[in-house]
Amino acid sequence: MIEVVRSEEEYRALADAALDRELERAKAGLTPSVSSKAAARFLGIHVDTLGQWRRRTPPLGPPFQKGAGDNEGGANQHVRYLFVDLEDWQLARTGRAVKERRLADELERVRQRARELELELELRSLREQVARMTKKAGRVLALETARECLDAPHQWVVKDGLVMGHVLTVPEMVLAQGLDAGGIVETTLGDVLMWPWADGSARDPFAVQIDTAFSDFTKQLGQERSAQRMRDLDKKLPPPEETMKSVF
């Protein structure tokens, strides 16, 4: 079994604190740019909303930068926002006429309600994910079926191209380093087991989970194959003959 050392809620709180630290460093002039998640937190919007703005033609929202980076040997696009651009864009939204500001405030209230609904949906989704991930006691990471191993996305800590472990199982220091360095990736167990890990002791419990899931799945397939053969054989057999009973 894989022992969980923190809850999903505790991880979310640590992730939010890491974004706040990233924004504080940018505000102090220590770093010129921030990640898209930190930018969304600064602007008070959901990160998916920020992504939708970028994909519009022409793009909406503050200016952004794209740079190629490496992620497990493959090219990946990292979006960054200059902190001064975020401040300028936020300031431009507030420097409006009275009527425009009133309409903007009303729009912001509607957007705030939309954000709350988004958070409620995200919270519901996370609760469902936690229910799938945990056993009855809620402390043991559970991957019960082959479908969950292949389809259920999880978040993993990656450092220097090596998987350190699941965000709910790694030590506090490892998680903090991953959060601060942007080393959290979301993928399935089946995919992450194909990547290099920091050591076998961290990887083995997860490999056992997927081996067990596929072993059970294979066993079920074998049972269903046998049952199907019996059904096919029954179709080929002639119907039983009816015998007349003698009446005395």
Protein backbone atom coordinates (compact mmCIF):
# COMPACT_ATOMS: atom_id res chain seq x y z
CA MET A 1 0.00 0.00 0.00
CA ILE A 2 1.04 3.60 -0.59
CA GLU A 3 0.84 5.70 2.56
CA VAL A 4 -0.44 9.24 2.05
CA VAL A 5 1.29 11.86 4.21
CA ARG A 6 -1.05 14.79 3.44
CA SER A 7 -4.61 15.38 2.31
CA GLU A 8 -5.64 16.98 -0.98
CA GLU A 9 -6.76 20.09 0.93
CA GLU A 10 -3.36 20.38 2.64
CA TYR A 11 -1.62 20.10 -0.72
CA ARG A 12 -3.84 22.83 -2.23
CA ALA A 13 -2.99 25.15 0.68
CA LEU A 14 0.74 24.53 0.14
CA ALA A 15 0.37 25.13 -3.61
CA ASP A 16 -1.43 28.45 -2.99
CA ALA A 17 1.28 29.50 -0.51
CA ALA A 18 3.94 28.74 -3.16
CA LEU A 19 2.11 31.01 -5.65
CA ASP A 20 1.99 33.77 -3.03
CA ARG A 21 5.75 33.43 -2.49
CA GLU A 22 6.29 33.63 -6.25
CA LEU A 23 4.26 36.85 -6.42
CA GLU A 24 6.11 38.33 -3.44
CA ARG A 25 9.46 37.68 -5.13
CA ALA A 26 8.22 39.37 -8.32
CA LYS A 27 6.77 42.29 -6.35
CA ALA A 28 10.14 42.77 -4.66
CA GLY A 29 11.89 42.81 -8.05
CA LEU A 30 13.74 39.54 -7.47
CA THR A 31 12.21 37.91 -10.55
CA PRO A 32 10.84 39.79 -13.59
CA SER A 33 8.11 37.32 -14.53
CA VAL A 34 5.67 34.86 -12.97
CA SER A 35 3.93 31.68 -14.06
CA SER A 36 0.41 31.64 -15.50
CA LYS A 37 -0.96 30.21 -12.23
CA ALA A 38 0.64 33.03 -10.22
CA ALA A 39 -0.61 35.60 -12.75
CA ALA A 40 -4.16 34.26 -12.46
CA ARG A 41 -3.93 34.44 -8.67
CA PHE A 42 -2.71 38.05 -8.86
CA LEU A 43 -5.57 39.03 -11.19
CA GLY A 44 -8.16 37.13 -9.16
CA ILE A 45 -9.27 34.86 -12.00
CA HIS A 46 -9.12 31.15 -12.67
CA VAL A 47 -6.03 29.97 -14.54
CA ASP A 48 -8.28 28.37 -17.18
CA THR A 49 -9.84 31.79 -17.85
CA LEU A 50 -6.37 33.19 -18.43
CA GLY A 51 -5.70 30.38 -20.89
CA GLN A 52 -8.93 31.09 -22.75
CA TRP A 53 -7.91 34.75 -23.06
CA ARG A 54 -4.57 33.75 -24.58
CA ARG A 55 -6.27 31.55 -27.17
CA ARG A 56 -8.59 34.31 -28.38
CA THR A 57 -7.87 36.07 -31.69
CA PRO A 58 -6.63 38.63 -30.92
CA PRO A 59 -5.59 37.54 -27.40
CA LEU A 60 -7.25 39.12 -24.39
CA GLY A 61 -5.78 39.97 -21.02
CA PRO A 62 -2.26 41.15 -20.16
CA PRO A 63 0.71 40.51 -22.51
CA PHE A 64 2.40 37.13 -22.09
CA GLN A 65 5.57 35.39 -23.17
CA LYS A 66 6.15 31.85 -24.43
CA GLY A 67 9.44 30.03 -24.16
CA ALA A 68 10.51 26.50 -25.03
CA GLY A 69 11.47 24.28 -22.12
CA ASP A 70 12.28 20.65 -21.48
CA ASN A 71 9.86 18.36 -19.74
CA GLU A 72 11.03 14.75 -19.46
CA GLY A 73 13.03 15.08 -22.66
CA GLY A 74 10.19 16.56 -24.71
CA ALA A 75 9.62 20.16 -25.76
CA ASN A 76 7.03 22.01 -23.77
CA GLN A 77 5.70 25.57 -23.92
CA HIS A 78 5.96 27.58 -20.69
CA VAL A 79 3.86 30.75 -20.46
CA ARG A 80 5.22 33.61 -18.35
CA TYR A 81 3.89 37.06 -17.49
CA LEU A 82 6.04 40.09 -16.72
CA PHE A 83 4.92 41.37 -13.33
CA VAL A 84 5.01 45.01 -14.53
CA ASP A 85 2.63 44.05 -17.36
CA LEU A 86 0.24 42.52 -14.84
CA GLU A 87 0.31 45.68 -12.70
CA ASP A 88 -0.15 47.97 -15.73
CA TRP A 89 -3.04 45.91 -17.06
CA GLN A 90 -4.72 45.84 -13.66
CA LEU A 91 -4.23 49.61 -13.28
CA ALA A 92 -5.68 50.29 -16.73
CA ARG A 93 -8.85 48.48 -15.74
CA THR A 94 -9.38 50.81 -12.79
CA GLY A 95 -8.58 54.12 -14.55
CA ARG A 96 -12.04 54.62 -16.05
CA ALA A 97 -14.95 57.03 -15.93
CA VAL A 98 -17.55 56.76 -13.15
CA LYS A 99 -20.21 55.04 -15.25
CA GLU A 100 -17.63 52.75 -16.80
CA ARG A 101 -16.27 51.86 -13.36
CA ARG A 102 -19.80 51.13 -12.14
CA LEU A 103 -20.40 48.83 -15.08
CA ALA A 104 -16.98 47.30 -14.55
CA ASP A 105 -17.83 46.69 -10.88
CA GLU A 106 -21.07 44.98 -11.87
CA LEU A 107 -19.19 42.92 -14.41
CA GLU A 108 -16.63 42.01 -11.75
CA ARG A 109 -19.40 40.88 -9.39
CA VAL A 110 -20.78 38.62 -12.10
CA ARG A 111 -17.29 37.33 -12.82
CA GLN A 112 -16.75 36.79 -9.11
CA ARG A 113 -19.88 34.67 -8.96
CA ALA A 114 -18.67 32.79 -12.02
CA ARG A 115 -15.31 32.22 -10.29
CA GLU A 116 -17.11 30.97 -7.20
CA LEU A 117 -19.09 28.54 -9.33
CA GLU A 118 -15.86 27.44 -11.02
CA LEU A 119 -14.29 26.87 -7.61
CA GLU A 120 -17.34 24.94 -6.43
CA LEU A 121 -17.15 22.73 -9.50
CA GLU A 122 -13.40 22.31 -9.05
CA LEU A 123 -13.89 21.46 -5.37
CA ARG A 124 -16.54 18.91 -6.26
CA SER A 125 -14.24 17.43 -8.89
CA LEU A 126 -11.36 17.29 -6.39
CA ARG A 127 -13.55 15.60 -3.80
CA GLU A 128 -14.56 13.00 -6.36
CA GLN A 129 -10.91 12.54 -7.28
CA VAL A 130 -9.92 12.14 -3.63
CA ALA A 131 -12.70 9.58 -3.18
CA ARG A 132 -11.26 7.61 -6.08
CA MET A 133 -7.72 8.02 -4.82
CA THR A 134 -8.22 7.01 -1.20
CA LYS A 135 -9.34 3.93 0.73
CA LYS A 136 -12.02 3.90 3.43
CA ALA A 137 -9.73 5.51 5.99
CA GLY A 138 -8.79 8.16 3.47
CA ARG A 139 -5.06 7.74 4.12
CA VAL A 140 -3.98 5.17 1.52
CA LEU A 141 -3.64 6.06 -2.15
CA ALA A 142 -5.88 3.70 -4.11
CA LEU A 143 -5.77 2.82 -7.78
CA GLU A 144 -8.29 0.03 -8.00
CA THR A 145 -8.68 -0.69 -11.70
CA ALA A 146 -6.71 -0.67 -14.91
CA ARG A 147 -8.95 2.14 -16.20
CA GLU A 148 -8.06 4.33 -13.20
CA CYS A 149 -4.36 3.62 -13.75
CA LEU A 150 -4.60 4.67 -17.40
CA ASP A 151 -7.25 7.41 -17.29
CA ALA A 152 -7.14 9.09 -13.86
CA PRO A 153 -4.72 12.07 -13.87
CA HIS A 154 -2.61 12.65 -10.75
CA GLN A 155 -0.08 15.29 -9.81
CA TRP A 156 3.57 14.31 -9.42
CA VAL A 157 6.71 16.07 -8.23
CA VAL A 158 9.50 16.14 -10.85
CA LYS A 159 13.01 17.45 -10.19
CA ASP A 160 15.86 17.56 -12.72
CA GLY A 161 13.90 15.28 -15.04
CA LEU A 162 13.33 12.62 -12.35
CA VAL A 163 10.00 11.72 -10.76
CA MET A 164 10.24 12.19 -6.99
CA GLY A 165 6.77 10.81 -6.21
CA HIS A 166 3.09 11.69 -5.81
CA VAL A 167 2.23 15.11 -4.33
CA LEU A 168 0.38 13.38 -1.48
CA THR A 169 3.23 11.03 -0.59
CA VAL A 170 6.56 12.87 -0.96
CA PRO A 171 8.28 14.48 2.06
CA GLU A 172 7.43 18.08 2.90
CA MET A 173 10.78 19.47 1.72
CA VAL A 174 10.55 17.68 -1.64
CA LEU A 175 7.03 19.01 -2.22
CA ALA A 176 8.06 22.56 -1.26
CA GLN A 177 10.97 22.46 -3.70
CA GLY A 178 8.72 21.15 -6.46
CA LEU A 179 6.10 23.83 -5.85
CA ASP A 180 8.65 26.66 -5.79
CA ALA A 181 10.45 25.38 -8.90
CA GLY A 182 7.28 24.69 -10.90
CA GLY A 183 8.06 20.98 -10.86
CA ILE A 184 4.50 19.70 -10.53
CA VAL A 185 3.18 17.76 -13.53
CA GLU A 186 -0.23 16.17 -14.03
CA THR A 187 -0.42 12.82 -15.78
CA THR A 188 -1.66 9.26 -15.33
CA LEU A 189 0.08 6.52 -13.38
CA GLY A 190 0.57 4.55 -16.59
CA ASP A 191 2.44 7.44 -18.18
CA VAL A 192 4.53 8.45 -15.17
CA LEU A 193 5.83 4.90 -14.71
CA MET A 194 7.43 5.22 -18.15
CA TRP A 195 9.54 8.16 -16.94
CA PRO A 196 12.82 7.91 -14.98
CA TRP A 197 12.39 8.08 -11.20
CA ALA A 198 14.73 9.33 -8.51
CA ASP A 199 14.97 5.83 -7.04
CA GLY A 200 13.27 2.46 -7.22
CA SER A 201 11.90 2.57 -3.68
CA ALA A 202 9.73 5.56 -4.64
CA ARG A 203 8.59 3.94 -7.88
CA ASP A 204 7.97 0.34 -6.76
CA PRO A 205 4.76 0.86 -4.72
CA PHE A 206 3.10 2.52 -7.70
CA ALA A 207 4.36 -0.17 -10.07
CA VAL A 208 2.84 -2.80 -7.77
CA GLN A 209 -0.50 -0.95 -7.94
CA ILE A 210 -0.62 -0.99 -11.73
CA ASP A 211 0.64 -4.59 -11.90
CA THR A 212 -2.13 -5.68 -9.54
CA ALA A 213 -4.77 -3.72 -11.45
CA PHE A 214 -3.79 -5.26 -14.78
CA SER A 215 -3.48 -8.74 -13.26
CA ASP A 216 -7.05 -8.49 -11.97
CA PHE A 217 -8.19 -7.09 -15.31
CA THR A 218 -6.53 -9.97 -17.19
CA LYS A 219 -8.17 -12.46 -14.84
CA GLN A 220 -11.58 -10.92 -15.49
CA LEU A 221 -10.97 -11.08 -19.24
CA GLY A 222 -10.10 -14.78 -18.95
CA GLN A 223 -13.25 -15.51 -16.98
CA GLU A 224 -15.40 -13.66 -19.48
CA ARG A 225 -13.69 -15.49 -22.36
CA SER A 226 -14.54 -18.84 -20.78
CA ALA A 227 -18.12 -17.76 -20.15
CA GLN A 228 -18.44 -16.64 -23.78
CA ARG A 229 -17.19 -20.04 -25.01
CA MET A 230 -19.84 -21.76 -22.90
CA ARG A 231 -22.54 -19.50 -24.33
CA ASP A 232 -21.33 -20.18 -27.88
CA LEU A 233 -21.30 -23.95 -27.18
CA ASP A 234 -24.85 -23.85 -25.80
CA LYS A 235 -26.03 -22.20 -29.03
CA LYS A 236 -24.58 -25.05 -31.12
CA LEU A 237 -26.14 -27.87 -29.09
CA PRO A 238 -29.53 -29.21 -30.35
CA PRO A 239 -32.52 -28.36 -28.19
CA PRO A 240 -33.52 -31.07 -25.72
CA GLU A 241 -36.19 -33.46 -26.98
CA GLU A 242 -39.53 -33.36 -25.24
CA THR A 243 -40.77 -36.70 -23.97
CA MET A 244 -44.46 -37.58 -23.82
CA LYS A 245 -45.63 -38.63 -20.41
CA SER A 246 -47.89 -41.71 -20.25
CA VAL A 247 -51.28 -41.06 -18.79
CA PHE A 248 -52.69 -43.96 -16.74
